[in-house]
Protein backbone atom coordinates (compact mmCIF):
# COMPACT_ATOMS: atom_id res chain seq x y z
CA MET A 1 -93.09 21.26 127.78
CA GLU A 2 -91.63 24.66 128.68
CA TYR A 3 -91.17 26.95 125.67
CA VAL A 4 -88.80 29.92 125.64
CA ILE A 5 -90.30 31.15 122.36
CA GLU A 6 -93.87 30.43 121.35
CA THR A 7 -95.85 32.20 118.65
CA GLU A 8 -99.56 32.01 117.94
CA ASN A 9 -100.77 32.89 114.43
CA LEU A 10 -97.89 35.35 114.04
CA THR A 11 -98.42 37.43 110.90
CA LYS A 12 -96.69 40.33 109.20
CA GLN A 13 -98.09 42.15 106.19
CA TYR A 14 -96.67 45.04 104.21
CA GLY A 15 -99.65 46.46 102.36
CA SER A 16 -101.17 43.59 100.42
CA ILE A 17 -98.08 41.39 100.73
CA THR A 18 -98.01 38.81 103.53
CA VAL A 19 -94.39 38.15 104.55
CA VAL A 20 -95.13 35.95 107.58
CA ASP A 21 -98.40 34.05 107.48
CA ASN A 22 -99.97 32.73 110.73
CA ILE A 23 -96.94 30.83 111.99
CA ASN A 24 -96.95 28.84 115.23
CA LEU A 25 -93.39 28.27 116.49
CA HIS A 26 -92.45 26.24 119.56
CA VAL A 27 -88.89 26.58 120.86
CA PRO A 28 -88.25 24.44 123.98
CA LYS A 29 -86.04 25.61 126.80
CA GLY A 30 -82.38 24.64 126.47
CA LYS A 31 -82.67 23.36 122.89
CA ILE A 32 -81.24 24.51 119.55
CA TYR A 33 -83.98 25.32 117.05
CA GLY A 34 -82.95 25.65 113.41
CA LEU A 35 -85.18 27.76 111.16
CA LEU A 36 -84.74 26.89 107.49
CA GLY A 37 -86.04 28.55 104.35
CA ARG A 38 -85.04 30.10 101.08
CA ASN A 39 -84.16 33.79 100.94
CA GLY A 40 -87.42 35.69 101.23
CA ALA A 41 -89.18 32.90 103.12
CA GLY A 42 -89.87 35.21 106.09
CA LYS A 43 -87.23 33.94 108.55
CA THR A 44 -85.57 37.30 109.29
CA THR A 45 -88.92 39.09 109.58
CA ALA A 46 -90.09 36.51 112.13
CA MET A 47 -86.92 37.05 114.16
CA LYS A 48 -87.27 40.84 113.98
CA MET A 49 -90.81 40.57 115.37
CA MET A 50 -89.53 38.51 118.30
CA LEU A 51 -87.07 41.32 119.09
CA GLN A 52 -89.61 44.14 118.52
CA LEU A 53 -87.57 45.48 115.62
CA VAL A 54 -90.69 44.97 113.51
CA TYR A 55 -94.22 44.91 114.92
CA PRO A 56 -96.62 42.10 113.99
CA THR A 57 -99.75 42.73 111.98
CA ALA A 58 -101.47 40.02 114.00
CA GLY A 59 -100.71 37.20 116.40
CA VAL A 60 -98.97 36.72 119.73
CA ILE A 61 -95.32 36.20 120.71
CA ARG A 62 -94.55 34.62 124.08
CA LEU A 63 -91.01 34.84 125.45
CA PHE A 64 -90.14 32.82 128.55
CA GLY A 65 -93.84 31.99 128.88
CA SER A 66 -95.14 35.57 128.89
CA ASN A 67 -96.54 37.90 126.25
CA SER A 68 -93.56 39.79 124.83
CA LYS A 69 -95.42 43.12 124.84
CA GLU A 70 -96.16 42.93 128.56
CA TYR A 71 -92.84 41.38 129.56
CA ALA A 72 -90.50 43.26 127.22
CA GLN A 73 -88.29 45.09 129.72
CA THR A 74 -87.44 41.91 131.63
CA ALA A 75 -87.38 39.55 128.64
CA TYR A 76 -84.95 41.44 126.45
CA LYS A 77 -82.29 41.61 129.15
CA GLN A 78 -82.14 37.81 128.86
CA ILE A 79 -81.72 37.76 125.07
CA GLY A 80 -78.66 38.05 122.84
CA SER A 81 -79.10 38.45 119.10
CA ILE A 82 -77.61 38.95 115.66
CA ILE A 83 -80.00 40.10 112.97
CA GLU A 84 -78.48 40.63 109.52
CA THR A 85 -75.03 42.30 109.51
CA PRO A 86 -73.78 43.30 112.99
CA GLY A 87 -73.22 47.06 113.33
CA PHE A 88 -70.18 48.47 115.12
CA TYR A 89 -68.02 51.60 115.10
CA ASP A 90 -65.62 51.29 112.13
CA ASN A 91 -62.80 53.26 113.77
CA LEU A 92 -62.67 51.19 116.98
CA THR A 93 -61.20 47.78 117.75
CA GLY A 94 -63.42 44.85 118.58
CA ARG A 95 -62.60 45.14 122.27
CA GLU A 96 -63.38 48.87 122.29
CA ASN A 97 -66.71 48.22 120.58
CA LEU A 98 -67.62 45.63 123.20
CA GLN A 99 -66.58 47.99 126.01
CA ILE A 100 -69.08 50.57 124.74
CA LEU A 101 -71.82 47.95 124.54
CA ALA A 102 -70.96 46.75 128.05
CA LYS A 103 -71.49 50.28 129.41
CA LEU A 104 -74.82 50.60 127.60
CA ARG A 105 -75.94 47.31 129.13
CA GLY A 106 -75.17 48.41 132.64
CA GLY A 107 -71.44 48.00 133.08
CA LEU A 108 -70.51 44.40 132.37
CA SER A 109 -67.13 43.46 133.82
CA ALA A 110 -63.95 43.41 131.72
CA SER A 111 -63.71 39.67 132.33
CA LYS A 112 -67.04 39.13 130.54
CA ILE A 113 -65.70 41.00 127.50
CA GLU A 114 -62.51 38.94 127.48
CA GLN A 115 -64.46 35.68 127.81
CA ALA A 116 -66.66 36.64 124.87
CA LEU A 117 -63.69 37.58 122.67
CA GLU A 118 -61.91 34.35 123.58
CA ALA A 119 -65.01 32.30 122.80
CA VAL A 120 -65.02 33.56 119.19
CA GLY A 121 -61.25 33.62 118.70
CA LEU A 122 -60.72 37.40 118.65
CA GLU A 123 -58.86 37.82 121.94
CA HIS A 124 -55.54 38.58 120.20
CA GLU A 125 -56.87 41.15 117.72
CA ASN A 126 -55.79 44.09 119.88
CA HIS A 127 -54.97 46.73 117.26
CA LYS A 128 -57.07 46.00 114.17
CA ILE A 129 -60.08 48.32 113.85
CA PHE A 130 -63.49 47.05 112.82
CA SER A 131 -63.35 48.51 109.30
CA ASP A 132 -60.33 46.26 108.62
CA TYR A 133 -62.11 43.12 109.81
CA SER A 134 -63.00 40.42 107.31
CA LEU A 135 -66.68 39.47 107.01
CA GLY A 136 -66.01 36.39 109.11
CA MET A 137 -64.35 38.44 111.84
CA LYS A 138 -67.31 40.83 111.86
CA GLN A 139 -69.64 37.88 112.37
CA ARG A 140 -67.46 36.62 115.21
CA LEU A 141 -67.56 40.01 116.92
CA GLY A 142 -71.34 40.06 116.51
CA ILE A 143 -71.58 36.72 118.28
CA ALA A 144 -69.28 37.99 121.04
CA ALA A 145 -71.57 41.00 121.54
CA ALA A 146 -74.59 38.71 121.66
CA ILE A 147 -73.16 36.38 124.34
CA MET A 148 -71.09 38.60 126.64
CA HIS A 149 -73.98 39.22 129.06
CA GLU A 150 -74.64 35.44 129.25
CA PRO A 151 -78.20 35.51 127.88
CA LYS A 152 -80.68 32.69 128.42
CA LEU A 153 -81.81 32.97 124.79
CA LEU A 154 -79.80 33.58 121.61
CA ILE A 155 -81.56 34.63 118.41
CA LEU A 156 -79.08 34.34 115.56
CA ASP A 157 -79.80 35.15 111.92
CA GLU A 158 -77.19 33.46 109.67
CA PRO A 159 -74.42 33.60 112.32
CA ILE A 160 -71.89 31.59 110.30
CA ASN A 161 -72.18 33.74 107.18
CA GLY A 162 -68.71 34.53 105.87
CA LEU A 163 -66.85 32.11 108.12
CA ASP A 164 -64.29 29.67 106.74
CA PRO A 165 -64.71 25.92 107.48
CA ILE A 166 -62.58 26.10 110.62
CA GLY A 167 -64.54 29.10 111.90
CA ILE A 168 -67.84 27.35 111.16
CA SER A 169 -66.70 24.28 113.09
CA GLU A 170 -65.60 26.42 116.05
CA ILE A 171 -68.88 28.34 116.20
CA ARG A 172 -70.85 25.10 115.86
CA SER A 173 -68.97 23.58 118.79
CA PHE A 174 -69.40 26.75 120.81
CA LEU A 175 -73.17 26.91 120.27
CA SER A 176 -73.56 23.21 121.08
CA GLU A 177 -71.62 23.71 124.31
CA LEU A 178 -73.74 26.73 125.27
CA SER A 179 -76.89 24.67 124.84
CA LYS A 180 -75.74 21.45 126.46
CA LYS A 181 -73.60 22.76 129.32
CA LYS A 182 -75.25 26.08 130.16
CA GLY A 183 -78.80 25.38 129.08
CA THR A 184 -78.90 28.35 126.69
CA THR A 185 -81.82 28.23 124.26
CA ILE A 186 -80.68 29.00 120.70
CA PHE A 187 -82.94 30.03 117.82
CA ILE A 188 -80.85 30.05 114.66
CA SER A 189 -81.55 30.54 110.97
CA SER A 190 -79.15 29.38 108.29
CA HIS A 191 -78.97 28.36 104.65
CA VAL A 192 -76.09 25.96 105.45
CA LEU A 193 -78.25 22.89 105.93
CA SER A 194 -75.41 20.56 106.82
CA GLU A 195 -74.51 22.78 109.79
CA ILE A 196 -78.09 22.95 111.07
CA GLU A 197 -78.32 19.19 110.75
CA GLN A 198 -75.28 18.75 112.99
CA ILE A 199 -76.39 20.99 115.86
CA ALA A 200 -80.18 21.42 115.84
CA ASP A 201 -82.54 19.53 118.15
CA ILE A 202 -85.60 20.79 116.27
CA ILE A 203 -86.09 22.36 112.86
CA GLY A 204 -88.80 24.55 111.41
CA VAL A 205 -89.15 24.98 107.66
CA MET A 206 -90.60 28.21 106.25
CA HIS A 207 -91.70 28.65 102.65
CA ARG A 208 -93.32 31.81 101.28
CA GLY A 209 -94.13 33.04 104.77
CA VAL A 210 -95.71 29.80 105.95
CA LEU A 211 -94.27 27.38 108.52
CA VAL A 212 -94.68 24.18 106.52
CA GLU A 213 -93.18 21.83 109.08
CA GLU A 214 -91.80 21.76 112.60
CA VAL A 215 -90.12 18.51 113.58
CA ASN A 216 -87.77 17.05 116.17
CA MET A 217 -84.51 15.90 114.58
CA THR A 218 -84.75 12.50 116.25
CA GLU A 219 -88.18 12.01 114.73
CA LEU A 220 -86.95 13.28 111.37
CA HIS A 221 -84.15 10.71 111.27
CA LYS A 222 -86.66 7.96 112.07
CA ARG A 223 -88.93 9.21 109.31
CA ASN A 224 -86.29 9.63 106.61
CA ARG A 225 -86.42 6.94 104.01
CA LYS A 226 -83.65 4.55 103.06
CA CYS A 227 -82.67 4.76 99.42
CA ILE A 228 -80.27 3.49 96.77
CA LYS A 229 -78.12 6.43 95.75
CA PHE A 230 -76.50 6.37 92.29
CA GLU A 231 -73.80 8.94 91.48
CA VAL A 232 -74.17 9.42 87.73
CA SER A 233 -72.83 11.60 84.94
CA ASP A 234 -76.30 12.79 83.89
CA SER A 235 -79.10 12.60 86.46
CA LYS A 236 -81.76 13.83 84.00
CA ALA A 237 -80.94 10.97 81.64
CA ALA A 238 -80.98 8.53 84.58
CA GLU A 239 -84.43 9.82 85.54
CA LYS A 240 -85.74 9.21 82.01
CA ILE A 241 -84.31 5.67 82.02
CA LEU A 242 -86.06 4.85 85.30
CA LEU A 243 -89.37 6.15 83.99
CA ASP A 244 -89.13 4.52 80.55
CA SER A 245 -87.74 1.17 81.68
CA TYR A 246 -89.47 0.58 85.01
CA GLY A 247 -92.11 3.26 85.45
CA LEU A 248 -90.47 4.20 88.75
CA THR A 249 -91.92 7.21 90.55
CA LYS A 250 -90.35 6.80 94.01
CA TYR A 251 -87.11 8.69 93.47
CA SER A 252 -85.46 12.05 94.08
CA ARG A 253 -82.97 13.69 91.71
CA GLN A 254 -80.08 16.09 92.28
CA GLU A 255 -77.53 17.46 89.80
CA LYS A 256 -75.17 14.48 89.83
CA SER A 257 -77.13 11.83 91.70
CA ILE A 258 -80.45 10.08 91.86
CA MET A 259 -81.97 8.46 94.97
CA ILE A 260 -84.30 5.50 94.40
CA PHE A 261 -86.73 4.60 97.21
CA ASP A 262 -88.08 1.48 95.50
CA PHE A 263 -86.03 -1.62 96.38
CA SER A 264 -88.04 -4.01 94.17
CA ILE A 265 -85.56 -3.81 91.28
CA PRO A 266 -82.06 -5.25 91.86
CA VAL A 267 -79.29 -2.68 92.14
CA ALA A 268 -77.15 -4.60 89.63
CA GLU A 269 -79.93 -4.46 87.05
CA ILE A 270 -80.35 -0.69 87.39
CA ASN A 271 -76.60 -0.19 87.20
CA LYS A 272 -76.40 -2.38 84.07
CA ILE A 273 -79.07 -0.41 82.21
CA PHE A 274 -77.50 2.92 83.20
CA VAL A 275 -74.11 1.83 81.81
CA LYS A 276 -75.68 0.27 78.71
CA SER A 277 -77.40 3.60 78.04
CA GLY A 278 -74.07 5.41 78.10
CA LEU A 279 -74.12 6.84 81.63
CA SER A 280 -71.03 6.84 83.84
CA VAL A 281 -71.86 5.45 87.29
CA THR A 282 -69.22 6.65 89.76
CA GLY A 283 -70.82 5.48 92.99
CA ILE A 284 -73.60 3.30 94.41
CA ALA A 285 -74.62 3.31 98.06
CA ILE A 286 -77.51 2.48 100.35
CA SER A 287 -78.11 5.71 102.23
CA GLU A 288 -80.65 7.85 104.05
CA GLU A 289 -82.05 11.18 102.94
CA ASN A 290 -80.12 14.03 104.52
CA LEU A 291 -81.61 17.33 105.62
CA GLU A 292 -80.97 19.02 102.27
CA GLU A 293 -82.84 16.28 100.41
CA TYR A 294 -85.66 16.40 102.93
CA PHE A 295 -85.92 20.18 102.59
CA SER A 296 -85.89 20.11 98.78
CA ASN A 297 -88.59 17.46 98.68
CA LEU A 298 -90.71 19.31 101.26
CA ILE A 299 -90.88 22.63 99.40
CA GLY A 300 -90.69 21.27 95.88
CA GLY A 301 -86.98 21.21 95.12
CA GLY A 302 -84.48 23.89 94.26
CA GLY A 303 -82.65 24.13 97.58
CA ILE A 304 -82.42 27.22 99.74
CA ALA A 305 -80.06 29.67 98.09
């Protein structure tokens, strides 16, 4: 398989603190790779090392099949990126900011700028300066800057941060189209698990600097377990009932629900004992673990935030 990004024992230390710990990433050509992890997991540091914004303590980064140190001048012309908050001139409009970037990149045509602005829905913001942009608009302009030279690889750190639901949907559709129709490889980090689940072909999960899993989404869906999901008024009480009454250990609990992976006890019986114990049961369904449940179980619960 051809990898656009491949790392070998990539490590970053600051003094005695290891932020990224011997990670081996594999990002196939033309795919969307979603990197998940709580804040502080090491995601942004890994991305910065790929872009030579931070230098590794140890390990190797290969971009487009070649060592990034030896291939940097050619490789980085083929990459678009957003790392943390995009930086632009506050007193200029979005179009004016992109015009400056276009000149720095070797004189991209005006049509490329217009196409990028249209792609992120900013083509009609002709007079508003950047300092008056909302956070979502700033993110959109950052994406426009990252794509206007039609890169082969996009590295995007939390690109939907600050966007409203409509904006998130539009960016999701846009990234999917870039990957499927133009073959652009996209490496994206996000704490919005439901969005990653909808667009990613592969996910990597980082926890405390370590890559704890790297899995194809198709394989993940095959692996995910079926469960009986009870929506209840008190999931902690429901958990205690399952333990005391049945000794069940195959379950997963969230704030208002509990997922049972043991089908040996009839659903009606569990529902009856919940109600008898004073719990309100507002929903029962046979379902499959979603990405958020998978993630929480993998790193020991608590979600990403």
